N, C-alpha and C. Protein backbone atom coordinates (compact mmCIF):
# COMPACT_ATOMS: atom_id res chain seq x y z
N MET A 1 25.89 40.69 64.86
CA MET A 1 26.49 39.56 64.12
C MET A 1 26.45 40.44 62.73
N SER A 2 27.49 40.63 62.53
CA SER A 2 27.87 41.60 60.88
C SER A 2 27.60 40.71 59.66
N THR A 3 27.43 41.12 58.70
CA THR A 3 27.45 40.21 57.14
C THR A 3 28.90 39.89 57.38
N PHE A 4 29.88 40.79 57.65
CA PHE A 4 31.39 40.36 57.31
C PHE A 4 31.67 39.09 58.10
N GLN A 5 31.25 39.18 59.41
CA GLN A 5 31.56 37.92 60.31
C GLN A 5 30.95 36.35 59.72
N LEU A 6 29.50 36.75 59.60
CA LEU A 6 29.17 35.64 58.81
C LEU A 6 29.60 35.19 57.28
N VAL A 7 30.00 35.65 56.79
CA VAL A 7 30.79 35.46 55.52
C VAL A 7 32.49 34.53 56.12
N GLN A 8 32.98 35.50 56.72
CA GLN A 8 33.95 34.79 57.40
C GLN A 8 34.21 33.73 57.75
N GLY A 9 32.92 33.55 58.67
CA GLY A 9 32.50 32.32 59.48
C GLY A 9 32.09 30.92 58.29
N VAL A 10 31.67 31.32 57.55
CA VAL A 10 31.46 30.42 56.55
C VAL A 10 32.58 30.05 55.37
N ILE A 11 33.15 30.98 55.37
CA ILE A 11 34.53 30.61 54.45
C ILE A 11 35.60 29.89 55.25
N ILE A 12 35.75 30.22 56.44
CA ILE A 12 36.89 29.40 57.39
C ILE A 12 36.23 27.88 57.50
N GLY A 13 34.79 27.98 57.74
CA GLY A 13 34.39 26.54 57.43
C GLY A 13 34.67 25.57 56.46
N VAL A 14 34.46 26.48 55.27
CA VAL A 14 34.52 25.54 54.33
C VAL A 14 35.90 25.09 53.80
N VAL A 15 36.69 26.02 54.23
CA VAL A 15 38.33 25.72 54.25
C VAL A 15 38.88 24.64 55.09
N VAL A 16 38.10 24.73 56.33
CA VAL A 16 39.07 23.33 57.22
C VAL A 16 38.02 22.46 56.90
N LEU A 17 36.83 22.43 56.39
CA LEU A 17 36.26 21.00 55.98
C LEU A 17 36.98 20.37 54.83
N ALA A 18 37.13 21.42 53.99
CA ALA A 18 37.91 21.15 52.71
C ALA A 18 39.62 19.99 53.15
N SER A 19 39.90 20.96 53.87
CA SER A 19 41.47 20.51 54.71
C SER A 19 41.21 19.30 55.24
N LEU A 20 40.18 19.15 56.00
CA LEU A 20 39.99 17.68 56.62
C LEU A 20 39.72 16.40 55.63
N TYR A 21 38.87 16.99 54.60
CA TYR A 21 38.80 15.97 53.30
C TYR A 21 39.82 15.39 52.74
N VAL A 22 40.90 16.18 52.53
CA VAL A 22 42.07 16.12 52.02
C VAL A 22 42.97 15.10 53.05
N ALA A 23 43.12 15.59 54.17
CA ALA A 23 43.88 14.77 55.07
C ALA A 23 43.30 13.60 55.23
N PHE A 24 41.94 13.49 55.11
CA PHE A 24 41.37 12.13 55.44
C PHE A 24 41.65 11.19 54.49
N ARG A 25 41.74 11.69 53.31
CA ARG A 25 41.94 10.86 51.85
C ARG A 25 43.46 10.29 51.88
N LYS A 26 44.30 11.43 52.48
CA LYS A 26 45.85 11.22 52.04
C LYS A 26 46.55 10.16 53.37
N LEU A 27 45.76 10.24 54.50
CA LEU A 27 46.24 9.58 55.55
C LEU A 27 45.37 7.94 55.67
N LEU A 28 44.52 8.11 55.38
CA LEU A 28 43.71 6.57 55.90
C LEU A 28 42.92 6.25 54.40
N PRO A 29 43.70 6.08 53.28
CA PRO A 29 42.83 5.96 52.17
C PRO A 29 42.16 4.49 51.88
N LYS A 30 42.29 3.91 52.57
CA LYS A 30 41.23 2.39 52.64
C LYS A 30 40.12 2.81 53.37
N THR A 31 39.96 3.38 54.52
CA THR A 31 39.05 3.78 55.35
C THR A 31 38.09 4.91 54.57
N SER A 32 39.13 5.92 53.83
CA SER A 32 38.14 6.69 53.01
C SER A 32 37.51 6.00 51.84
N THR A 33 37.89 5.30 51.12
CA THR A 33 37.20 4.31 50.16
C THR A 33 36.18 3.57 50.64
N ARG A 34 36.25 3.16 52.10
CA ARG A 34 35.12 2.30 52.26
C ARG A 34 33.91 3.36 52.53
N VAL A 35 34.36 4.53 53.48
CA VAL A 35 33.13 5.50 53.61
C VAL A 35 32.43 6.16 52.39
N LEU A 36 33.55 6.45 51.60
CA LEU A 36 32.82 7.17 50.54
C LEU A 36 32.16 5.72 49.45
N ALA A 37 32.41 4.61 49.54
CA ALA A 37 31.70 3.44 48.97
C ALA A 37 30.07 3.46 49.63
N GLY A 38 30.37 3.76 51.04
CA GLY A 38 28.99 3.52 51.67
C GLY A 38 27.88 4.63 51.31
N VAL A 39 28.74 5.73 51.21
CA VAL A 39 27.77 7.12 51.13
C VAL A 39 27.30 7.00 49.72
N SER A 40 28.27 6.57 48.91
CA SER A 40 27.78 6.39 47.51
C SER A 40 26.57 5.38 47.28
N ALA A 41 26.69 4.42 47.86
CA ALA A 41 25.75 3.38 47.97
C ALA A 41 24.41 3.89 48.29
N SER A 42 24.39 4.86 49.56
CA SER A 42 23.17 5.27 50.16
C SER A 42 22.59 6.26 49.54
N LEU A 43 23.33 6.96 48.63
CA LEU A 43 22.67 8.25 47.90
C LEU A 43 22.23 7.47 46.51
N ASN A 44 22.65 6.54 46.24
CA ASN A 44 22.52 5.87 44.87
C ASN A 44 21.33 4.97 44.53
N HIS A 45 20.22 5.23 45.37
CA HIS A 45 18.80 4.20 45.55
C HIS A 45 18.20 4.62 44.59
N GLU A 46 17.17 3.48 44.10
CA GLU A 46 15.94 3.82 43.07
C GLU A 46 14.97 4.58 44.21
N GLY A 47 14.13 5.79 43.41
CA GLY A 47 13.34 6.51 44.10
C GLY A 47 14.02 7.61 44.69
N ARG A 48 15.21 8.32 44.61
CA ARG A 48 15.86 9.44 44.97
C ARG A 48 15.75 10.10 43.71
N SER A 49 16.05 11.20 43.90
CA SER A 49 15.94 12.41 42.73
C SER A 49 17.14 12.10 42.10
N GLY A 50 17.01 12.67 40.76
CA GLY A 50 18.32 12.72 39.72
C GLY A 50 19.56 13.38 40.30
N VAL A 51 19.42 14.32 40.70
CA VAL A 51 20.47 15.30 41.48
C VAL A 51 21.18 14.24 42.41
N ILE A 52 20.49 13.77 43.35
CA ILE A 52 20.96 13.06 44.49
C ILE A 52 21.95 11.85 44.17
N ARG A 53 21.29 11.19 42.79
CA ARG A 53 21.92 10.02 42.42
C ARG A 53 23.15 10.49 41.47
N ALA A 54 23.00 11.50 41.08
CA ALA A 54 24.41 12.09 40.11
C ALA A 54 25.41 12.14 41.09
N ILE A 55 25.03 13.05 42.47
CA ILE A 55 26.09 13.16 43.35
C ILE A 55 26.63 11.91 44.06
N GLY A 56 25.84 11.00 44.17
CA GLY A 56 26.09 9.67 44.60
C GLY A 56 26.94 8.69 43.64
N LYS A 57 26.79 8.93 42.30
CA LYS A 57 27.79 8.54 41.31
C LYS A 57 29.07 9.06 41.33
N LYS A 58 28.90 10.50 41.65
CA LYS A 58 30.28 11.32 41.56
C LYS A 58 31.14 11.12 42.71
N VAL A 59 30.42 10.93 43.88
CA VAL A 59 31.30 10.22 45.38
C VAL A 59 31.87 8.96 45.22
N GLN A 60 31.42 8.04 44.35
CA GLN A 60 31.57 6.80 44.22
C GLN A 60 33.20 6.56 44.08
N PRO A 61 34.05 6.02 44.74
CA PRO A 61 35.44 5.64 44.52
C PRO A 61 35.87 4.66 43.36
N ALA A 62 36.61 5.20 42.80
CA ALA A 62 37.18 4.71 41.71
C ALA A 62 37.87 3.22 41.87
N SER A 63 37.39 2.16 40.76
CA SER A 63 37.65 0.45 41.58
C SER A 63 38.53 0.33 40.50
N ALA A 64 39.29 -0.87 41.06
CA ALA A 64 40.08 -1.46 39.91
C ALA A 64 39.68 -2.12 38.68
N THR A 65 40.39 -1.96 37.72
CA THR A 65 39.82 -2.74 36.64
C THR A 65 39.65 -4.04 36.46
N GLY A 66 40.29 -4.78 37.30
CA GLY A 66 40.29 -6.23 37.69
C GLY A 66 40.94 -7.20 36.66
N SER A 67 41.90 -6.34 35.78
CA SER A 67 42.80 -7.16 34.81
C SER A 67 44.03 -7.50 35.69
N CYS A 68 44.77 -8.37 35.39
CA CYS A 68 45.89 -8.95 36.21
C CYS A 68 47.26 -7.95 35.56
N GLY A 69 47.01 -7.10 34.70
CA GLY A 69 47.95 -6.44 34.37
C GLY A 69 48.26 -4.91 35.19
N ASP A 70 47.12 -4.78 35.68
CA ASP A 70 47.10 -3.44 36.29
C ASP A 70 47.96 -3.26 37.51
N GLY A 71 48.47 -4.43 38.21
CA GLY A 71 49.01 -4.36 39.42
C GLY A 71 48.39 -3.58 40.24
N CYS A 72 47.06 -4.07 40.65
CA CYS A 72 46.74 -3.24 41.77
C CYS A 72 46.82 -3.87 43.08
N GLY A 73 46.66 -5.24 42.88
CA GLY A 73 46.75 -6.17 44.11
C GLY A 73 45.42 -6.34 44.81
N SER A 74 44.42 -5.84 44.06
CA SER A 74 43.34 -6.05 45.23
C SER A 74 42.85 -7.48 45.20
N CYS A 75 43.27 -8.46 44.36
CA CYS A 75 42.62 -9.73 44.59
C CYS A 75 43.76 -10.47 44.99
N GLY A 76 44.84 -10.08 45.26
CA GLY A 76 45.66 -11.15 46.17
C GLY A 76 46.36 -11.84 45.14
N THR A 77 46.17 -12.04 43.94
CA THR A 77 47.04 -13.03 42.82
C THR A 77 47.82 -12.47 41.97
N CYS A 78 47.94 -10.91 41.74
CA CYS A 78 48.50 -10.21 41.07
C CYS A 78 49.97 -10.11 41.40
N GLY A 79 50.44 -10.42 42.63
CA GLY A 79 51.72 -10.14 43.00
C GLY A 79 52.06 -8.63 43.00
N PRO A 80 53.28 -8.37 43.57
CA PRO A 80 53.73 -6.91 43.78
C PRO A 80 54.16 -6.45 42.25
N ALA A 81 54.00 -4.90 41.92
CA ALA A 81 54.41 -4.56 40.84
C ALA A 81 55.57 -4.57 40.60
N PRO A 82 56.24 -4.57 39.29
CA PRO A 82 57.54 -5.07 38.94
C PRO A 82 58.27 -3.95 39.09
N VAL A 83 59.46 -4.14 39.62
CA VAL A 83 60.36 -3.07 40.24
C VAL A 83 61.21 -2.43 39.13
N ALA A 84 61.33 -1.39 39.14
CA ALA A 84 62.16 -0.69 38.08
C ALA A 84 63.41 -0.80 38.01
N HIS A 85 64.43 -1.49 37.24
CA HIS A 85 65.71 -1.70 37.77
C HIS A 85 66.40 -0.23 36.83
N ASN A 86 67.42 0.24 37.99
CA ASN A 86 68.31 1.31 37.51
C ASN A 86 69.38 0.92 36.67
N ASP A 87 69.74 1.58 35.67
CA ASP A 87 70.93 1.45 35.31
C ASP A 87 72.19 2.07 35.97
N ALA A 88 72.41 1.34 37.26
CA ALA A 88 73.58 2.19 37.85
C ALA A 88 74.98 1.94 37.45
N GLN A 89 75.73 3.16 37.55
CA GLN A 89 76.95 3.10 37.25
C GLN A 89 78.18 3.19 38.14
N PRO A 90 78.99 2.30 38.45
CA PRO A 90 79.81 2.48 39.58
C PRO A 90 80.52 3.68 39.72
N LEU A 91 81.27 4.16 40.86
CA LEU A 91 81.87 5.53 41.04
C LEU A 91 83.26 5.42 40.68
N THR A 92 83.73 6.39 39.96
CA THR A 92 84.99 6.15 39.67
C THR A 92 85.78 7.39 40.04
N PHE A 93 87.06 7.06 40.76
CA PHE A 93 87.74 8.14 41.54
C PHE A 93 88.84 8.36 40.89
N LYS A 94 89.26 9.63 40.56
CA LYS A 94 90.17 10.06 40.05
C LYS A 94 91.23 10.76 41.20
N THR A 95 92.43 10.61 40.77
CA THR A 95 93.70 11.13 41.80
C THR A 95 94.15 12.23 41.13
N ARG A 96 94.28 13.63 42.01
CA ARG A 96 94.72 14.60 41.80
C ARG A 96 96.16 14.74 40.98
N ARG A 97 96.16 15.65 40.31
CA ARG A 97 97.96 15.64 39.71
C ARG A 97 98.48 16.77 40.20
């Protein structure tokens, strides 16, 4: 196996893993949040090195602020986000002359 083939295999592997990660986050957002929270909790323990703890904090998913004004719907009491109203204008048809 040549060096070129080894480097090519590593680059293709990194690209495939990155695309799987993006697809996982876009197609399964709740599952990916749970998985990332579990990974973050396992990495961010007392007794771990500072680098591992920093990775655990970096991987931790963003959480809702908890205020009722953010419209996250995580607690189930905020209700749906307000719907933006369009200022729709009716169509007017003009006859040809």
